[in-house]
Amino acid sequence: MINIRRYVVFAWNYIFNHEVSPLRHIDDVAIRHYVLQALGFMWAVSSCVALGSYTVLAASIVGHAVLVAAAAVTVATYTAATVRPALFRSNRGRRPDGEHE
């Protein structure tokens, strides 16, 4: 059985300890530190972007569905106006001049 504590300590040191991680091959300690900071920043940003996209996924799907539906209604309306303009005539609208009830 793997000792979980030992595994966590090893993983932590492998990632964050510049004397254990593959960054140990970089001779300049300042450059090692810079590279570790850049990697940390990259992971922080990518995690936030991923988490943000997961949390607003449902809203994004609904929003896109509404936009696609609006486009479909517009295309259907334009097609109907071209093919069957009589659909848009109504006897309840404006009357020609001179006609009153």
PDB file of N, CA and C in Angstrom:
ATOM      1  N   MET A   1       0.843  -1.183   0.000  1.00  0.00           N
ATOM      2  CA  MET A   1       0.000   0.000   0.000  1.00  0.00           C
ATOM      3  C   MET A   1       0.891   1.249   0.000  1.00  0.00           C
ATOM      4  N   ILE A   2       0.512   2.203  -0.820  1.00  0.00           N
ATOM      5  CA  ILE A   2       1.286   3.433  -0.924  1.00  0.00           C
ATOM      6  C   ILE A   2       0.948   4.343   0.244  1.00  0.00           C
ATOM      7  N   ASN A   3       1.984   4.873   0.853  1.00  0.00           N
ATOM      8  CA  ASN A   3       1.784   5.819   1.933  1.00  0.00           C
ATOM      9  C   ASN A   3       1.379   7.155   1.307  1.00  0.00           C
ATOM     10  N   ILE A   4       0.155   7.575   1.527  1.00  0.00           N
ATOM     11  CA  ILE A   4      -0.385   8.781   0.891  1.00  0.00           C
ATOM     12  C   ILE A   4       0.403  10.017   1.295  1.00  0.00           C
ATOM     13  N   ARG A   5       0.769  10.105   2.540  1.00  0.00           N
ATOM     14  CA  ARG A   5       1.520  11.278   3.006  1.00  0.00           C
ATOM     15  C   ARG A   5       2.850  11.386   2.275  1.00  0.00           C
ATOM     16  N   ARG A   6       3.543  10.271   2.139  1.00  0.00           N
ATOM     17  CA  ARG A   6       4.830  10.267   1.442  1.00  0.00           C
ATOM     18  C   ARG A   6       4.639  10.660  -0.030  1.00  0.00           C
ATOM     19  N   TYR A   7       3.582  10.181  -0.643  1.00  0.00           N
ATOM     20  CA  TYR A   7       3.301  10.521  -2.040  1.00  0.00           C
ATOM     21  C   TYR A   7       3.019  12.012  -2.195  1.00  0.00           C
ATOM     22  N   VAL A   8       2.215  12.584  -1.294  1.00  0.00           N
ATOM     23  CA  VAL A   8       1.891  14.011  -1.363  1.00  0.00           C
ATOM     24  C   VAL A   8       3.143  14.849  -1.175  1.00  0.00           C
ATOM     25  N   VAL A   9       3.993  14.480  -0.222  1.00  0.00           N
ATOM     26  CA  VAL A   9       5.242  15.228   0.001  1.00  0.00           C
ATOM     27  C   VAL A   9       6.144  15.131  -1.225  1.00  0.00           C
ATOM     28  N   PHE A  10       6.250  13.940  -1.800  1.00  0.00           N
ATOM     29  CA  PHE A  10       7.059  13.781  -3.006  1.00  0.00           C
ATOM     30  C   PHE A  10       6.529  14.639  -4.149  1.00  0.00           C
ATOM     31  N   ALA A  11       5.204  14.603  -4.372  1.00  0.00           N
ATOM     32  CA  ALA A  11       4.607  15.381  -5.462  1.00  0.00           C
ATOM     33  C   ALA A  11       4.808  16.884  -5.232  1.00  0.00           C
ATOM     34  N   TRP A  12       4.627  17.316  -3.990  1.00  0.00           N
ATOM     35  CA  TRP A  12       4.824  18.729  -3.654  1.00  0.00           C
ATOM     36  C   TRP A  12       6.265  19.151  -3.935  1.00  0.00           C
ATOM     37  N   ASN A  13       7.209  18.369  -3.466  1.00  0.00           N
ATOM     38  CA  ASN A  13       8.620  18.701  -3.682  1.00  0.00           C
ATOM     39  C   ASN A  13       8.990  18.645  -5.159  1.00  0.00           C
ATOM     40  N   TYR A  14       8.454  17.675  -5.862  1.00  0.00           N
ATOM     41  CA  TYR A  14       8.773  17.549  -7.284  1.00  0.00           C
ATOM     42  C   TYR A  14       8.310  18.778  -8.066  1.00  0.00           C
ATOM     43  N   ILE A  15       7.175  19.345  -7.655  1.00  0.00           N
ATOM     44  CA  ILE A  15       6.647  20.507  -8.362  1.00  0.00           C
ATOM     45  C   ILE A  15       7.254  21.803  -7.839  1.00  0.00           C
ATOM     46  N   PHE A  16       7.329  21.987  -6.532  1.00  0.00           N
ATOM     47  CA  PHE A  16       7.643  23.288  -5.957  1.00  0.00           C
ATOM     48  C   PHE A  16       9.072  23.442  -5.423  1.00  0.00           C
ATOM     49  N   ASN A  17       9.810  22.385  -5.246  1.00  0.00           N
ATOM     50  CA  ASN A  17      11.172  22.496  -4.735  1.00  0.00           C
ATOM     51  C   ASN A  17      12.137  22.540  -5.909  1.00  0.00           C
ATOM     52  N   HIS A  18      12.805  23.666  -6.081  1.00  0.00           N
ATOM     53  CA  HIS A  18      13.660  23.840  -7.256  1.00  0.00           C
ATOM     54  C   HIS A  18      14.903  22.953  -7.197  1.00  0.00           C
ATOM     55  N   GLU A  19      15.202  22.366  -6.045  1.00  0.00           N
ATOM     56  CA  GLU A  19      16.350  21.465  -5.942  1.00  0.00           C
ATOM     57  C   GLU A  19      15.977  20.016  -6.258  1.00  0.00           C
ATOM     58  N   VAL A  20      14.669  19.738  -6.354  1.00  0.00           N
ATOM     59  CA  VAL A  20      14.194  18.382  -6.638  1.00  0.00           C
ATOM     60  C   VAL A  20      13.584  18.302  -8.038  1.00  0.00           C
ATOM     61  N   SER A  21      12.890  19.342  -8.447  1.00  0.00           N
ATOM     62  CA  SER A  21      12.185  19.331  -9.737  1.00  0.00           C
ATOM     63  C   SER A  21      13.187  19.356 -10.900  1.00  0.00           C
ATOM     64  N   PRO A  22      12.701  19.117 -12.102  1.00  0.00           N
ATOM     65  CA  PRO A  22      13.587  19.198 -13.269  1.00  0.00           C
ATOM     66  C   PRO A  22      14.203  20.586 -13.466  1.00  0.00           C
ATOM     67  N   LEU A  23      13.672  21.591 -12.781  1.00  0.00           N
ATOM     68  CA  LEU A  23      14.282  22.920 -12.871  1.00  0.00           C
ATOM     69  C   LEU A  23      15.675  22.946 -12.239  1.00  0.00           C
ATOM     70  N   ARG A  24      16.044  21.930 -11.493  1.00  0.00           N
ATOM     71  CA  ARG A  24      17.362  21.877 -10.857  1.00  0.00           C
ATOM     72  C   ARG A  24      18.488  21.896 -11.889  1.00  0.00           C
ATOM     73  N   HIS A  25      18.161  21.572 -13.129  1.00  0.00           N
ATOM     74  CA  HIS A  25      19.171  21.554 -14.189  1.00  0.00           C
ATOM     75  C   HIS A  25      19.501  22.958 -14.701  1.00  0.00           C
ATOM     76  N   ILE A  26      18.705  23.959 -14.334  1.00  0.00           N
ATOM     77  CA  ILE A  26      19.002  25.350 -14.695  1.00  0.00           C
ATOM     78  C   ILE A  26      20.000  25.868 -13.665  1.00  0.00           C
ATOM     79  N   ASP A  27      21.153  26.314 -14.137  1.00  0.00           N
ATOM     80  CA  ASP A  27      22.234  26.704 -13.232  1.00  0.00           C
ATOM     81  C   ASP A  27      21.916  27.940 -12.410  1.00  0.00           C
ATOM     82  N   ASP A  28      21.337  28.957 -13.017  1.00  0.00           N
ATOM     83  CA  ASP A  28      21.081  30.219 -12.331  1.00  0.00           C
ATOM     84  C   ASP A  28      19.819  30.100 -11.468  1.00  0.00           C
ATOM     85  N   VAL A  29      19.976  30.289 -10.142  1.00  0.00           N
ATOM     86  CA  VAL A  29      18.854  30.147  -9.218  1.00  0.00           C
ATOM     87  C   VAL A  29      17.783  31.203  -9.489  1.00  0.00           C
ATOM     88  N   ALA A  30      18.187  32.401  -9.880  1.00  0.00           N
ATOM     89  CA  ALA A  30      17.218  33.454 -10.179  1.00  0.00           C
ATOM     90  C   ALA A  30      16.351  33.066 -11.377  1.00  0.00           C
ATOM     91  N   ILE A  31      16.954  32.474 -12.383  1.00  0.00           N
ATOM     92  CA  ILE A  31      16.191  32.029 -13.557  1.00  0.00           C
ATOM     93  C   ILE A  31      15.267  30.880 -13.163  1.00  0.00           C
ATOM     94  N   ARG A  32      15.747  29.984 -12.318  1.00  0.00           N
ATOM     95  CA  ARG A  32      14.887  28.903 -11.812  1.00  0.00           C
ATOM     96  C   ARG A  32      13.651  29.471 -11.135  1.00  0.00           C
ATOM     97  N   HIS A  33      13.882  30.457 -10.289  1.00  0.00           N
ATOM     98  CA  HIS A  33      12.773  31.079  -9.570  1.00  0.00           C
ATOM     99  C   HIS A  33      11.808  31.750 -10.549  1.00  0.00           C
ATOM    100  N   TYR A  34      12.350  32.463 -11.537  1.00  0.00           N
ATOM    101  CA  TYR A  34      11.509  33.129 -12.530  1.00  0.00           C
ATOM    102  C   TYR A  34      10.653  32.102 -13.285  1.00  0.00           C
ATOM    103  N   VAL A  35      11.269  31.010 -13.707  1.00  0.00           N
ATOM    104  CA  VAL A  35      10.535  29.994 -14.468  1.00  0.00           C
ATOM    105  C   VAL A  35       9.443  29.377 -13.602  1.00  0.00           C
ATOM    106  N   LEU A  36       9.752  29.107 -12.331  1.00  0.00           N
ATOM    107  CA  LEU A  36       8.743  28.561 -11.428  1.00  0.00           C
ATOM    108  C   LEU A  36       7.596  29.543 -11.221  1.00  0.00           C
ATOM    109  N   GLN A  37       7.907  30.833 -11.085  1.00  0.00           N
ATOM    110  CA  GLN A  37       6.860  31.848 -10.935  1.00  0.00           C
ATOM    111  C   GLN A  37       6.006  31.937 -12.206  1.00  0.00           C
ATOM    112  N   ALA A  38       6.645  31.888 -13.368  1.00  0.00           N
ATOM    113  CA  ALA A  38       5.898  31.950 -14.636  1.00  0.00           C
ATOM    114  C   ALA A  38       4.968  30.742 -14.774  1.00  0.00           C
ATOM    115  N   LEU A  39       5.469  29.559 -14.411  1.00  0.00           N
ATOM    116  CA  LEU A  39       4.619  28.360 -14.462  1.00  0.00           C
ATOM    117  C   LEU A  39       3.462  28.464 -13.478  1.00  0.00           C
ATOM    118  N   GLY A  40       3.724  28.977 -12.291  1.00  0.00           N
ATOM    119  CA  GLY A  40       2.662  29.151 -11.298  1.00  0.00           C
ATOM    120  C   GLY A  40       1.592  30.116 -11.788  1.00  0.00           C
ATOM    121  N   PHE A  41       2.022  31.222 -12.387  1.00  0.00           N
ATOM    122  CA  PHE A  41       1.068  32.186 -12.931  1.00  0.00           C
ATOM    123  C   PHE A  41       0.244  31.560 -14.049  1.00  0.00           C
ATOM    124  N   MET A  42       0.912  30.809 -14.927  1.00  0.00           N
ATOM    125  CA  MET A  42       0.203  30.149 -16.022  1.00  0.00           C
ATOM    126  C   MET A  42      -0.866  29.203 -15.487  1.00  0.00           C
ATOM    127  N   TRP A  43      -0.538  28.405 -14.463  1.00  0.00           N
ATOM    128  CA  TRP A  43      -1.503  27.463 -13.903  1.00  0.00           C
ATOM    129  C   TRP A  43      -2.636  28.181 -13.185  1.00  0.00           C
ATOM    130  N   ALA A  44      -2.341  29.287 -12.529  1.00  0.00           N
ATOM    131  CA  ALA A  44      -3.399  30.047 -11.848  1.00  0.00           C
ATOM    132  C   ALA A  44      -4.392  30.605 -12.863  1.00  0.00           C
ATOM    133  N   VAL A  45      -3.884  31.190 -13.931  1.00  0.00           N
ATOM    134  CA  VAL A  45      -4.761  31.765 -14.956  1.00  0.00           C
ATOM    135  C   VAL A  45      -5.556  30.677 -15.659  1.00  0.00           C
ATOM    136  N   SER A  46      -4.887  29.601 -16.050  1.00  0.00           N
ATOM    137  CA  SER A  46      -5.610  28.541 -16.776  1.00  0.00           C
ATOM    138  C   SER A  46      -6.661  27.878 -15.889  1.00  0.00           C
ATOM    139  N   SER A  47      -6.379  27.726 -14.606  1.00  0.00           N
ATOM    140  CA  SER A  47      -7.379  27.153 -13.694  1.00  0.00           C
ATOM    141  C   SER A  47      -8.576  28.071 -13.542  1.00  0.00           C
ATOM    142  N   CYS A  48      -8.332  29.367 -13.437  1.00  0.00           N
ATOM    143  CA  CYS A  48      -9.441  30.324 -13.315  1.00  0.00           C
ATOM    144  C   CYS A  48     -10.292  30.348 -14.578  1.00  0.00           C
ATOM    145  N   VAL A  49      -9.638  30.320 -15.729  1.00  0.00           N
ATOM    146  CA  VAL A  49     -10.392  30.321 -16.993  1.00  0.00           C
ATOM    147  C   VAL A  49     -11.225  29.054 -17.103  1.00  0.00           C
ATOM    148  N   ALA A  50     -10.632  27.913 -16.765  1.00  0.00           N
ATOM    149  CA  ALA A  50     -11.376  26.653 -16.847  1.00  0.00           C
ATOM    150  C   ALA A  50     -12.546  26.650 -15.873  1.00  0.00           C
ATOM    151  N   LEU A  51     -12.306  27.048 -14.633  1.00  0.00           N
ATOM    152  CA  LEU A  51     -13.380  27.077 -13.642  1.00  0.00           C
ATOM    153  C   LEU A  51     -14.480  28.050 -14.044  1.00  0.00           C
ATOM    154  N   GLY A  52     -14.090  29.204 -14.554  1.00  0.00           N
ATOM    155  CA  GLY A  52     -15.083  30.183 -14.997  1.00  0.00           C
ATOM    156  C   GLY A  52     -15.922  29.662 -16.143  1.00  0.00           C
ATOM    157  N   SER A  53     -15.287  28.974 -17.087  1.00  0.00           N
ATOM    158  CA  SER A  53     -16.062  28.458 -18.218  1.00  0.00           C
ATOM    159  C   SER A  53     -16.976  27.320 -17.779  1.00  0.00           C
ATOM    160  N   TYR A  54     -16.569  26.546 -16.772  1.00  0.00           N
ATOM    161  CA  TYR A  54     -17.440  25.480 -16.279  1.00  0.00           C
ATOM    162  C   TYR A  54     -18.655  26.047 -15.557  1.00  0.00           C
ATOM    163  N   THR A  55     -18.469  27.129 -14.812  1.00  0.00           N
ATOM    164  CA  THR A  55     -19.570  27.667 -14.022  1.00  0.00           C
ATOM    165  C   THR A  55     -20.567  28.443 -14.866  1.00  0.00           C
ATOM    166  N   VAL A  56     -20.151  29.013 -15.973  1.00  0.00           N
ATOM    167  CA  VAL A  56     -21.081  29.780 -16.806  1.00  0.00           C
ATOM    168  C   VAL A  56     -21.473  29.010 -18.069  1.00  0.00           C
ATOM    169  N   LEU A  57     -21.151  27.716 -18.099  1.00  0.00           N
ATOM    170  CA  LEU A  57     -21.456  26.920 -19.283  1.00  0.00           C
ATOM    171  C   LEU A  57     -22.954  26.883 -19.567  1.00  0.00           C
ATOM    172  N   ALA A  58     -23.765  26.683 -18.547  1.00  0.00           N
ATOM    173  CA  ALA A  58     -25.217  26.608 -18.762  1.00  0.00           C
ATOM    174  C   ALA A  58     -25.753  27.927 -19.303  1.00  0.00           C
ATOM    175  N   ALA A  59     -25.320  29.027 -18.736  1.00  0.00           N
ATOM    176  CA  ALA A  59     -25.769  30.340 -19.223  1.00  0.00           C
ATOM    177  C   ALA A  59     -25.303  30.571 -20.652  1.00  0.00           C
ATOM    178  N   SER A  60     -24.114  30.129 -20.960  1.00  0.00           N
ATOM    179  CA  SER A  60     -23.593  30.282 -22.315  1.00  0.00           C
ATOM    180  C   SER A  60     -24.406  29.461 -23.315  1.00  0.00           C
ATOM    181  N   ILE A  61     -24.764  28.247 -22.934  1.00  0.00           N
ATOM    182  CA  ILE A  61     -25.571  27.395 -23.817  1.00  0.00           C
ATOM    183  C   ILE A  61     -26.937  28.033 -24.056  1.00  0.00           C
ATOM    184  N   VAL A  62     -27.565  28.521 -23.008  1.00  0.00           N
ATOM    185  CA  VAL A  62     -28.879  29.163 -23.153  1.00  0.00           C
ATOM    186  C   VAL A  62     -28.765  30.404 -24.029  1.00  0.00           C
ATOM    187  N   GLY A  63     -27.746  31.213 -23.790  1.00  0.00           N
ATOM    188  CA  GLY A  63     -27.556  32.423 -24.591  1.00  0.00           C
ATOM    189  C   GLY A  63     -27.344  32.114 -26.061  1.00  0.00           C
ATOM    190  N   HIS A  64     -26.527  31.107 -26.354  1.00  0.00           N
ATOM    191  CA  HIS A  64     -26.307  30.737 -27.750  1.00  0.00           C
ATOM    192  C   HIS A  64     -27.572  30.157 -28.374  1.00  0.00           C
ATOM    193  N   ALA A  65     -28.333  29.399 -27.616  1.00  0.00           N
ATOM    194  CA  ALA A  65     -29.588  28.842 -28.141  1.00  0.00           C
ATOM    195  C   ALA A  65     -30.562  29.958 -28.488  1.00  0.00           C
ATOM    196  N   VAL A  66     -30.617  30.995 -27.657  1.00  0.00           N
ATOM    197  CA  VAL A  66     -31.498  32.132 -27.942  1.00  0.00           C
ATOM    198  C   VAL A  66     -31.042  32.847 -29.209  1.00  0.00           C
ATOM    199  N   LEU A  67     -29.747  33.034 -29.377  1.00  0.00           N
ATOM    200  CA  LEU A  67     -29.249  33.686 -30.596  1.00  0.00           C
ATOM    201  C   LEU A  67     -29.543  32.861 -31.847  1.00  0.00           C
ATOM    202  N   VAL A  68     -29.350  31.554 -31.760  1.00  0.00           N
ATOM    203  CA  VAL A  68     -29.642  30.686 -32.907  1.00  0.00           C
ATOM    204  C   VAL A  68     -31.138  30.703 -33.210  1.00  0.00           C
ATOM    205  N   ALA A  69     -31.977  30.683 -32.183  1.00  0.00           N
ATOM    206  CA  ALA A  69     -33.422  30.744 -32.391  1.00  0.00           C
ATOM    207  C   ALA A  69     -33.832  32.066 -33.036  1.00  0.00           C
ATOM    208  N   ALA A  70     -33.235  33.165 -32.597  1.00  0.00           N
ATOM    209  CA  ALA A  70     -33.548  34.467 -33.193  1.00  0.00           C
ATOM    210  C   ALA A  70     -33.148  34.501 -34.665  1.00  0.00           C
ATOM    211  N   ALA A  71     -32.013  33.929 -34.993  1.00  0.00           N
ATOM    212  CA  ALA A  71     -31.588  33.862 -36.398  1.00  0.00           C
ATOM    213  C   ALA A  71     -32.549  32.998 -37.209  1.00  0.00           C
ATOM    214  N   ALA A  72     -32.994  31.878 -36.641  1.00  0.00           N
ATOM    215  CA  ALA A  72     -33.925  31.004 -37.343  1.00  0.00           C
ATOM    216  C   ALA A  72     -35.266  31.695 -37.583  1.00  0.00           C
ATOM    217  N   VAL A  73     -35.774  32.420 -36.597  1.00  0.00           N
ATOM    218  CA  VAL A  73     -37.040  33.147 -36.768  1.00  0.00           C
ATOM    219  C   VAL A  73     -36.891  34.229 -37.830  1.00  0.00           C
ATOM    220  N   THR A  74     -35.741  34.910 -37.844  1.00  0.00           N
ATOM    221  CA  THR A  74     -35.510  35.943 -38.856  1.00  0.00           C
ATOM    222  C   THR A  74     -35.489  35.346 -40.256  1.00  0.00           C
ATOM    223  N   VAL A  75     -34.775  34.236 -40.436  1.00  0.00           N
ATOM    224  CA  VAL A  75     -34.723  33.583 -41.747  1.00  0.00           C
ATOM    225  C   VAL A  75     -36.109  33.107 -42.159  1.00  0.00           C
ATOM    226  N   ALA A  76     -36.866  32.532 -41.226  1.00  0.00           N
ATOM    227  CA  ALA A  76     -38.217  32.058 -41.544  1.00  0.00           C
ATOM    228  C   ALA A  76     -39.126  33.221 -41.922  1.00  0.00           C
ATOM    229  N   THR A  77     -38.998  34.342 -41.231  1.00  0.00           N
ATOM    230  CA  THR A  77     -39.820  35.514 -41.540  1.00  0.00           C
ATOM    231  C   THR A  77     -39.486  36.065 -42.917  1.00  0.00           C
ATOM    232  N   TYR A  78     -38.203  36.199 -43.227  1.00  0.00           N
ATOM    233  CA  TYR A  78     -37.790  36.707 -44.542  1.00  0.00           C
ATOM    234  C   TYR A  78     -38.233  35.760 -45.655  1.00  0.00           C
ATOM    235  N   THR A  79     -38.113  34.453 -45.406  1.00  0.00           N
ATOM    236  CA  THR A  79     -38.526  33.478 -46.419  1.00  0.00           C
ATOM    237  C   THR A  79     -40.034  33.543 -46.641  1.00  0.00           C
ATOM    238  N   ALA A  80     -40.792  33.626 -45.560  1.00  0.00           N
ATOM    239  CA  ALA A  80     -42.254  33.717 -45.692  1.00  0.00           C
ATOM    240  C   ALA A  80     -42.656  35.006 -46.392  1.00  0.00           C
ATOM    241  N   ALA A  81     -41.989  36.103 -46.097  1.00  0.00           N
ATOM    242  CA  ALA A  81     -42.321  37.378 -46.754  1.00  0.00           C
ATOM    243  C   ALA A  81     -42.028  37.318 -48.244  1.00  0.00           C
ATOM    244  N   THR A  82     -41.017  36.554 -48.623  1.00  0.00           N
ATOM    245  CA  THR A  82     -40.671  36.426 -50.039  1.00  0.00           C
ATOM    246  C   THR A  82     -41.621  35.481 -50.757  1.00  0.00           C
ATOM    247  N   VAL A  83     -41.901  34.338 -50.160  1.00  0.00           N
ATOM    248  CA  VAL A  83     -42.688  33.294 -50.820  1.00  0.00           C
ATOM    249  C   VAL A  83     -44.180  33.537 -50.682  1.00  0.00           C
ATOM    250  N   ARG A  84     -44.658  33.923 -49.496  1.00  0.00           N
ATOM    251  CA  ARG A  84     -46.091  34.115 -49.255  1.00  0.00           C
ATOM    252  C   ARG A  84     -46.341  35.435 -48.540  1.00  0.00           C
ATOM    253  N   PRO A  85     -46.249  36.555 -49.223  1.00  0.00           N
ATOM    254  CA  PRO A  85     -46.434  37.847 -48.572  1.00  0.00           C
ATOM    255  C   PRO A  85     -47.854  38.043 -48.033  1.00  0.00           C
ATOM    256  N   ALA A  86     -48.811  37.258 -48.520  1.00  0.00           N
ATOM    257  CA  ALA A  86     -50.186  37.394 -48.046  1.00  0.00           C
ATOM    258  C   ALA A  86     -50.318  37.027 -46.570  1.00  0.00           C
ATOM    259  N   LEU A  87     -49.384  36.272 -46.038  1.00  0.00           N
ATOM    260  CA  LEU A  87     -49.417  35.930 -44.614  1.00  0.00           C
ATOM    261  C   LEU A  87     -49.362  37.168 -43.726  1.00  0.00           C
ATOM    262  N   PHE A  88     -48.815  38.245 -44.242  1.00  0.00           N
ATOM    263  CA  PHE A  88     -48.608  39.437 -43.431  1.00  0.00           C
ATOM    264  C   PHE A  88     -49.681  40.500 -43.648  1.00  0.00           C
ATOM    265  N   ARG A  89     -50.725  40.162 -44.414  1.00  0.00           N
ATOM    266  CA  ARG A  89     -51.827  41.098 -44.607  1.00  0.00           C
ATOM    267  C   ARG A  89     -52.840  40.904 -43.499  1.00  0.00           C
ATOM    268  N   SER A  90     -53.428  42.000 -43.071  1.00  0.00           N
ATOM    269  CA  SER A  90     -54.431  41.921 -42.021  1.00  0.00           C
ATOM    270  C   SER A  90     -55.532  42.910 -42.336  1.00  0.00           C
ATOM    271  N   ASN A  91     -56.747  42.521 -42.096  1.00  0.00           N
ATOM    272  CA  ASN A  91     -57.868  43.429 -42.301  1.00  0.00           C
ATOM    273  C   ASN A  91     -58.086  44.322 -41.091  1.00  0.00           C
ATOM    274  N   ARG A  92     -57.360  44.077 -40.031  1.00  0.00           N
ATOM    275  CA  ARG A  92     -57.543  44.861 -38.812  1.00  0.00           C
ATOM    276  C   ARG A  92     -56.594  46.049 -38.739  1.00  0.00           C
ATOM    277  N   GLY A  93     -55.761  46.226 -39.696  1.00  0.00           N
ATOM    278  CA  GLY A  93     -54.767  47.292 -39.651  1.00  0.00           C
ATOM    279  C   GLY A  93     -55.331  48.617 -40.121  1.00  0.00           C
ATOM    280  N   ARG A  94     -54.516  49.454 -40.681  1.00  0.00           N
ATOM    281  CA  ARG A  94     -54.941  50.769 -41.163  1.00  0.00           C
ATOM    282  C   ARG A  94     -55.919  50.626 -42.317  1.00  0.00           C
ATOM    283  N   ARG A  95     -56.886  51.518 -42.362  1.00  0.00           N
ATOM    284  CA  ARG A  95     -57.870  51.504 -43.442  1.00  0.00           C
ATOM    285  C   ARG A  95     -57.483  52.565 -44.459  1.00  0.00           C
ATOM    286  N   PRO A  96     -57.846  52.349 -45.683  1.00  0.00           N
ATOM    287  CA  PRO A  96     -57.602  53.402 -46.686  1.00  0.00           C
ATOM    288  C   PRO A  96     -58.343  54.663 -46.303  1.00  0.00           C
ATOM    289  N   ASP A  97     -57.851  55.806 -46.751  1.00  0.00           N
ATOM    290  CA  ASP A  97     -58.475  57.092 -46.431  1.00  0.00           C
ATOM    291  C   ASP A  97     -59.956  57.096 -46.832  1.00  0.00           C
ATOM    292  N   GLY A  98     -60.748  57.680 -45.974  1.00  0.00           N
ATOM    293  CA  GLY A  98     -62.157  57.837 -46.277  1.00  0.00           C
ATOM    294  C   GLY A  98     -63.018  56.735 -45.704  1.00  0.00           C
ATOM    295  N   GLU A  99     -62.461  55.616 -45.292  1.00  0.00           N
ATOM    296  CA  GLU A  99     -63.290  54.548 -44.736  1.00  0.00           C
ATOM    297  C   GLU A  99     -63.381  54.703 -43.241  1.00  0.00           C
ATOM    298  N   HIS A 100     -64.584  54.709 -42.732  1.00  0.00           N
ATOM    299  CA  HIS A 100     -64.813  54.782 -41.289  1.00  0.00           C
ATOM    300  C   HIS A 100     -65.814  53.717 -40.906  1.00  0.00           C
ATOM    301  N   GLU A 101     -65.887  53.419 -39.645  1.00  0.00           N
ATOM    302  CA  GLU A 101     -66.840  52.421 -39.186  1.00  0.00           C
ATOM    303  C   GLU A 101     -68.232  52.948 -39.192  1.00  0.00           C
TER     304      GLU A 101
END
